[in-house]
Amino acid sequence: MANHQVLHARWAPRDYDGTMRLYVAGRSEEAASGTDPARRWKPYFSGPLDVHVIDSNHDDLLNPGPLDEIGPDLAAELDRLHRDQDGRAQR
């Protein structure tokens, strides 16, 4: 455990320069306040943000209803990324 704490204290995330897909709980207090959902992520990425608001509270995002929406969307995006990578690899 002590080693974990040392490693965690030394770790500094690098800036991510790609598109980030963010699933936001539309019934959360933060969403209700009108706060920009990206503001907490801005220090960690500089690319475009693709926000998807899910009709759920945060604690229920991985329950069947919200996950029925997130899962296919995420799977389609991952398929697209793999096709793009395969296309670049074949060139």
N, C-alpha and C. Protein backbone atom coordinates (compact mmCIF):
# COMPACT_ATOMS: atom_id res chain seq x y z
N MET A 1 0.82 -1.19 0.00
CA MET A 1 0.00 0.00 0.00
C MET A 1 0.86 1.25 0.00
N ALA A 2 1.96 1.23 0.73
CA ALA A 2 2.85 2.40 0.78
C ALA A 2 3.42 2.71 -0.60
N ASN A 3 3.78 1.66 -1.35
CA ASN A 3 4.30 1.86 -2.70
C ASN A 3 3.25 2.50 -3.60
N HIS A 4 2.01 2.07 -3.46
CA HIS A 4 0.92 2.65 -4.24
C HIS A 4 0.82 4.15 -3.97
N GLN A 5 0.91 4.55 -2.71
CA GLN A 5 0.81 5.96 -2.36
C GLN A 5 1.97 6.76 -2.94
N VAL A 6 3.16 6.19 -2.95
CA VAL A 6 4.32 6.88 -3.54
C VAL A 6 4.12 7.04 -5.05
N LEU A 7 3.70 5.98 -5.71
CA LEU A 7 3.47 6.05 -7.15
C LEU A 7 2.38 7.06 -7.48
N HIS A 8 1.32 7.04 -6.72
CA HIS A 8 0.22 7.98 -6.97
C HIS A 8 0.67 9.42 -6.79
N ALA A 9 1.48 9.68 -5.79
CA ALA A 9 1.96 11.04 -5.54
C ALA A 9 2.86 11.54 -6.68
N ARG A 10 3.57 10.64 -7.34
CA ARG A 10 4.49 11.02 -8.42
C ARG A 10 3.81 11.10 -9.79
N TRP A 11 2.65 10.50 -9.92
CA TRP A 11 2.00 10.41 -11.22
C TRP A 11 1.41 11.75 -11.63
N ALA A 12 1.67 12.14 -12.85
CA ALA A 12 1.07 13.36 -13.42
C ALA A 12 0.52 13.00 -14.79
N PRO A 13 -0.79 13.12 -14.98
CA PRO A 13 -1.37 12.76 -16.28
C PRO A 13 -0.89 13.70 -17.38
N ARG A 14 -0.71 13.14 -18.56
CA ARG A 14 -0.35 13.95 -19.72
C ARG A 14 -1.62 14.45 -20.40
N ASP A 15 -1.50 15.55 -21.10
CA ASP A 15 -2.62 16.12 -21.84
C ASP A 15 -2.99 15.18 -22.99
N TYR A 16 -4.28 14.92 -23.15
CA TYR A 16 -4.78 14.08 -24.24
C TYR A 16 -5.26 15.00 -25.35
N ASP A 17 -4.79 14.77 -26.58
CA ASP A 17 -5.08 15.67 -27.68
C ASP A 17 -6.14 15.13 -28.65
N GLY A 18 -6.82 14.07 -28.30
CA GLY A 18 -7.83 13.50 -29.18
C GLY A 18 -9.23 13.89 -28.77
N THR A 19 -10.20 13.40 -29.52
CA THR A 19 -11.60 13.63 -29.18
C THR A 19 -11.96 12.83 -27.94
N MET A 20 -12.67 13.45 -27.04
CA MET A 20 -13.12 12.76 -25.84
C MET A 20 -14.64 12.66 -25.88
N ARG A 21 -15.14 11.47 -25.66
CA ARG A 21 -16.58 11.24 -25.58
C ARG A 21 -16.94 11.20 -24.11
N LEU A 22 -17.88 12.05 -23.70
CA LEU A 22 -18.26 12.17 -22.30
C LEU A 22 -19.74 11.88 -22.15
N TYR A 23 -20.06 10.91 -21.33
CA TYR A 23 -21.46 10.59 -21.02
C TYR A 23 -21.80 11.28 -19.71
N VAL A 24 -22.80 12.15 -19.76
CA VAL A 24 -23.18 12.98 -18.61
C VAL A 24 -24.55 12.56 -18.12
N ALA A 25 -24.68 12.40 -16.81
CA ALA A 25 -25.97 12.09 -16.20
C ALA A 25 -26.83 13.35 -16.23
N GLY A 26 -27.87 13.34 -17.04
CA GLY A 26 -28.72 14.51 -17.21
C GLY A 26 -29.52 14.89 -15.99
N ARG A 27 -29.70 13.96 -15.06
CA ARG A 27 -30.46 14.27 -13.84
C ARG A 27 -29.56 14.54 -12.64
N SER A 28 -28.30 14.80 -12.88
CA SER A 28 -27.38 15.10 -11.77
C SER A 28 -27.55 16.55 -11.33
N GLU A 29 -27.09 16.85 -10.13
CA GLU A 29 -27.15 18.23 -9.63
C GLU A 29 -26.33 19.16 -10.52
N GLU A 30 -25.19 18.68 -10.99
CA GLU A 30 -24.34 19.50 -11.85
C GLU A 30 -25.05 19.83 -13.16
N ALA A 31 -25.72 18.85 -13.76
CA ALA A 31 -26.45 19.10 -15.00
C ALA A 31 -27.60 20.06 -14.76
N ALA A 32 -28.29 19.91 -13.65
CA ALA A 32 -29.42 20.79 -13.33
C ALA A 32 -28.96 22.23 -13.10
N SER A 33 -27.73 22.41 -12.66
CA SER A 33 -27.22 23.76 -12.39
C SER A 33 -26.80 24.48 -13.66
N GLY A 34 -26.73 23.76 -14.78
CA GLY A 34 -26.31 24.37 -16.03
C GLY A 34 -24.80 24.49 -16.17
N THR A 35 -24.07 23.84 -15.27
CA THR A 35 -22.61 23.87 -15.31
C THR A 35 -22.10 23.14 -16.55
N ASP A 36 -21.08 23.68 -17.17
CA ASP A 36 -20.46 23.06 -18.34
C ASP A 36 -19.89 21.70 -17.93
N PRO A 37 -20.38 20.60 -18.53
CA PRO A 37 -19.91 19.28 -18.12
C PRO A 37 -18.43 19.05 -18.42
N ALA A 38 -17.85 19.84 -19.29
CA ALA A 38 -16.46 19.64 -19.67
C ALA A 38 -15.48 20.33 -18.74
N ARG A 39 -15.95 21.22 -17.90
CA ARG A 39 -15.01 22.06 -17.14
C ARG A 39 -14.06 21.25 -16.27
N ARG A 40 -14.52 20.15 -15.70
CA ARG A 40 -13.64 19.33 -14.86
C ARG A 40 -12.60 18.57 -15.68
N TRP A 41 -12.89 18.37 -16.96
CA TRP A 41 -11.98 17.60 -17.80
C TRP A 41 -10.99 18.47 -18.56
N LYS A 42 -11.22 19.76 -18.65
CA LYS A 42 -10.38 20.66 -19.43
C LYS A 42 -8.89 20.55 -19.12
N PRO A 43 -8.48 20.37 -17.86
CA PRO A 43 -7.03 20.27 -17.60
C PRO A 43 -6.37 19.03 -18.22
N TYR A 44 -7.17 18.07 -18.66
CA TYR A 44 -6.61 16.79 -19.09
C TYR A 44 -6.69 16.53 -20.59
N PHE A 45 -7.37 17.38 -21.33
CA PHE A 45 -7.43 17.17 -22.77
C PHE A 45 -7.56 18.50 -23.49
N SER A 46 -7.11 18.51 -24.76
CA SER A 46 -7.18 19.74 -25.54
C SER A 46 -7.94 19.54 -26.84
N GLY A 47 -8.42 18.34 -27.07
CA GLY A 47 -9.15 18.06 -28.30
C GLY A 47 -10.62 18.39 -28.15
N PRO A 48 -11.41 18.06 -29.17
CA PRO A 48 -12.85 18.30 -29.12
C PRO A 48 -13.55 17.39 -28.10
N LEU A 49 -14.65 17.87 -27.59
CA LEU A 49 -15.44 17.12 -26.62
C LEU A 49 -16.78 16.77 -27.23
N ASP A 50 -17.12 15.50 -27.19
CA ASP A 50 -18.39 14.99 -27.71
C ASP A 50 -19.24 14.57 -26.51
N VAL A 51 -20.16 15.45 -26.08
CA VAL A 51 -20.96 15.23 -24.87
C VAL A 51 -22.26 14.52 -25.23
N HIS A 52 -22.56 13.47 -24.48
CA HIS A 52 -23.82 12.74 -24.63
C HIS A 52 -24.53 12.78 -23.28
N VAL A 53 -25.67 13.46 -23.24
CA VAL A 53 -26.44 13.56 -22.00
C VAL A 53 -27.37 12.35 -21.92
N ILE A 54 -27.28 11.64 -20.81
CA ILE A 54 -28.08 10.43 -20.59
C ILE A 54 -29.14 10.75 -19.54
N ASP A 55 -30.38 10.36 -19.82
CA ASP A 55 -31.48 10.63 -18.89
C ASP A 55 -31.37 9.69 -17.69
N SER A 56 -30.54 10.09 -16.74
CA SER A 56 -30.25 9.27 -15.56
C SER A 56 -29.57 10.14 -14.52
N ASN A 57 -29.54 9.64 -13.28
CA ASN A 57 -28.66 10.28 -12.30
C ASN A 57 -27.32 9.55 -12.37
N HIS A 58 -26.30 10.13 -11.76
CA HIS A 58 -24.94 9.60 -11.89
C HIS A 58 -24.82 8.16 -11.36
N ASP A 59 -25.42 7.90 -10.22
CA ASP A 59 -25.29 6.57 -9.60
C ASP A 59 -25.93 5.45 -10.43
N ASP A 60 -26.85 5.79 -11.32
CA ASP A 60 -27.54 4.78 -12.10
C ASP A 60 -27.04 4.65 -13.54
N LEU A 61 -25.98 5.36 -13.90
CA LEU A 61 -25.50 5.33 -15.29
C LEU A 61 -25.19 3.93 -15.80
N LEU A 62 -24.74 3.04 -14.94
CA LEU A 62 -24.39 1.70 -15.40
C LEU A 62 -25.49 0.67 -15.14
N ASN A 63 -26.69 1.15 -14.87
CA ASN A 63 -27.84 0.26 -14.75
C ASN A 63 -28.40 -0.01 -16.15
N PRO A 64 -29.24 -1.04 -16.30
CA PRO A 64 -29.71 -1.45 -17.63
C PRO A 64 -30.29 -0.34 -18.51
N GLY A 65 -31.14 0.51 -18.01
CA GLY A 65 -31.74 1.55 -18.86
C GLY A 65 -30.71 2.48 -19.49
N PRO A 66 -29.93 3.19 -18.67
CA PRO A 66 -28.91 4.07 -19.23
C PRO A 66 -27.84 3.31 -20.02
N LEU A 67 -27.48 2.14 -19.55
CA LEU A 67 -26.45 1.36 -20.24
C LEU A 67 -26.93 0.89 -21.61
N ASP A 68 -28.25 0.71 -21.77
CA ASP A 68 -28.81 0.36 -23.08
C ASP A 68 -28.57 1.47 -24.08
N GLU A 69 -28.42 2.69 -23.62
CA GLU A 69 -28.13 3.83 -24.48
C GLU A 69 -26.62 4.01 -24.67
N ILE A 70 -25.89 3.89 -23.58
CA ILE A 70 -24.44 4.12 -23.63
C ILE A 70 -23.73 3.00 -24.39
N GLY A 71 -24.09 1.75 -24.11
CA GLY A 71 -23.39 0.61 -24.69
C GLY A 71 -23.33 0.62 -26.21
N PRO A 72 -24.48 0.69 -26.91
CA PRO A 72 -24.43 0.70 -28.37
C PRO A 72 -23.70 1.92 -28.94
N ASP A 73 -23.86 3.07 -28.29
CA ASP A 73 -23.17 4.27 -28.77
C ASP A 73 -21.66 4.10 -28.64
N LEU A 74 -21.21 3.62 -27.50
CA LEU A 74 -19.78 3.42 -27.28
C LEU A 74 -19.24 2.33 -28.21
N ALA A 75 -19.99 1.25 -28.39
CA ALA A 75 -19.56 0.18 -29.30
C ALA A 75 -19.41 0.70 -30.73
N ALA A 76 -20.36 1.52 -31.18
CA ALA A 76 -20.27 2.08 -32.53
C ALA A 76 -19.05 2.99 -32.67
N GLU A 77 -18.77 3.78 -31.65
CA GLU A 77 -17.59 4.66 -31.69
C GLU A 77 -16.30 3.85 -31.70
N LEU A 78 -16.22 2.81 -30.89
CA LEU A 78 -15.03 1.95 -30.89
C LEU A 78 -14.85 1.24 -32.23
N ASP A 79 -15.95 0.79 -32.83
CA ASP A 79 -15.87 0.17 -34.17
C ASP A 79 -15.33 1.17 -35.19
N ARG A 80 -15.82 2.41 -35.12
CA ARG A 80 -15.36 3.45 -36.04
C ARG A 80 -13.86 3.69 -35.87
N LEU A 81 -13.42 3.80 -34.63
CA LEU A 81 -12.00 4.02 -34.36
C LEU A 81 -11.14 2.87 -34.88
N HIS A 82 -11.61 1.64 -34.69
CA HIS A 82 -10.86 0.48 -35.19
C HIS A 82 -10.79 0.47 -36.71
N ARG A 83 -11.90 0.83 -37.37
CA ARG A 83 -11.89 0.91 -38.84
C ARG A 83 -10.90 1.97 -39.31
N ASP A 84 -10.89 3.13 -38.64
CA ASP A 84 -9.95 4.19 -38.99
C ASP A 84 -8.51 3.72 -38.82
N GLN A 85 -8.22 3.03 -37.72
CA GLN A 85 -6.86 2.52 -37.49
C GLN A 85 -6.48 1.47 -38.52
N ASP A 86 -7.42 0.58 -38.84
CA ASP A 86 -7.15 -0.45 -39.84
C ASP A 86 -6.88 0.18 -41.20
N GLY A 87 -7.63 1.22 -41.53
CA GLY A 87 -7.43 1.92 -42.80
C GLY A 87 -6.07 2.57 -42.88
N ARG A 88 -5.62 3.15 -41.79
CA ARG A 88 -4.29 3.77 -41.76
C ARG A 88 -3.19 2.71 -41.83
N ALA A 89 -3.42 1.56 -41.21
CA ALA A 89 -2.40 0.50 -41.19
C ALA A 89 -2.22 -0.12 -42.57
N GLN A 90 -3.27 -0.12 -43.39
CA GLN A 90 -3.20 -0.74 -44.71
C GLN A 90 -2.56 0.18 -45.75
N ARG A 91 -2.35 1.42 -45.41
CA ARG A 91 -1.75 2.36 -46.39
C ARG A 91 -0.29 2.14 -46.53
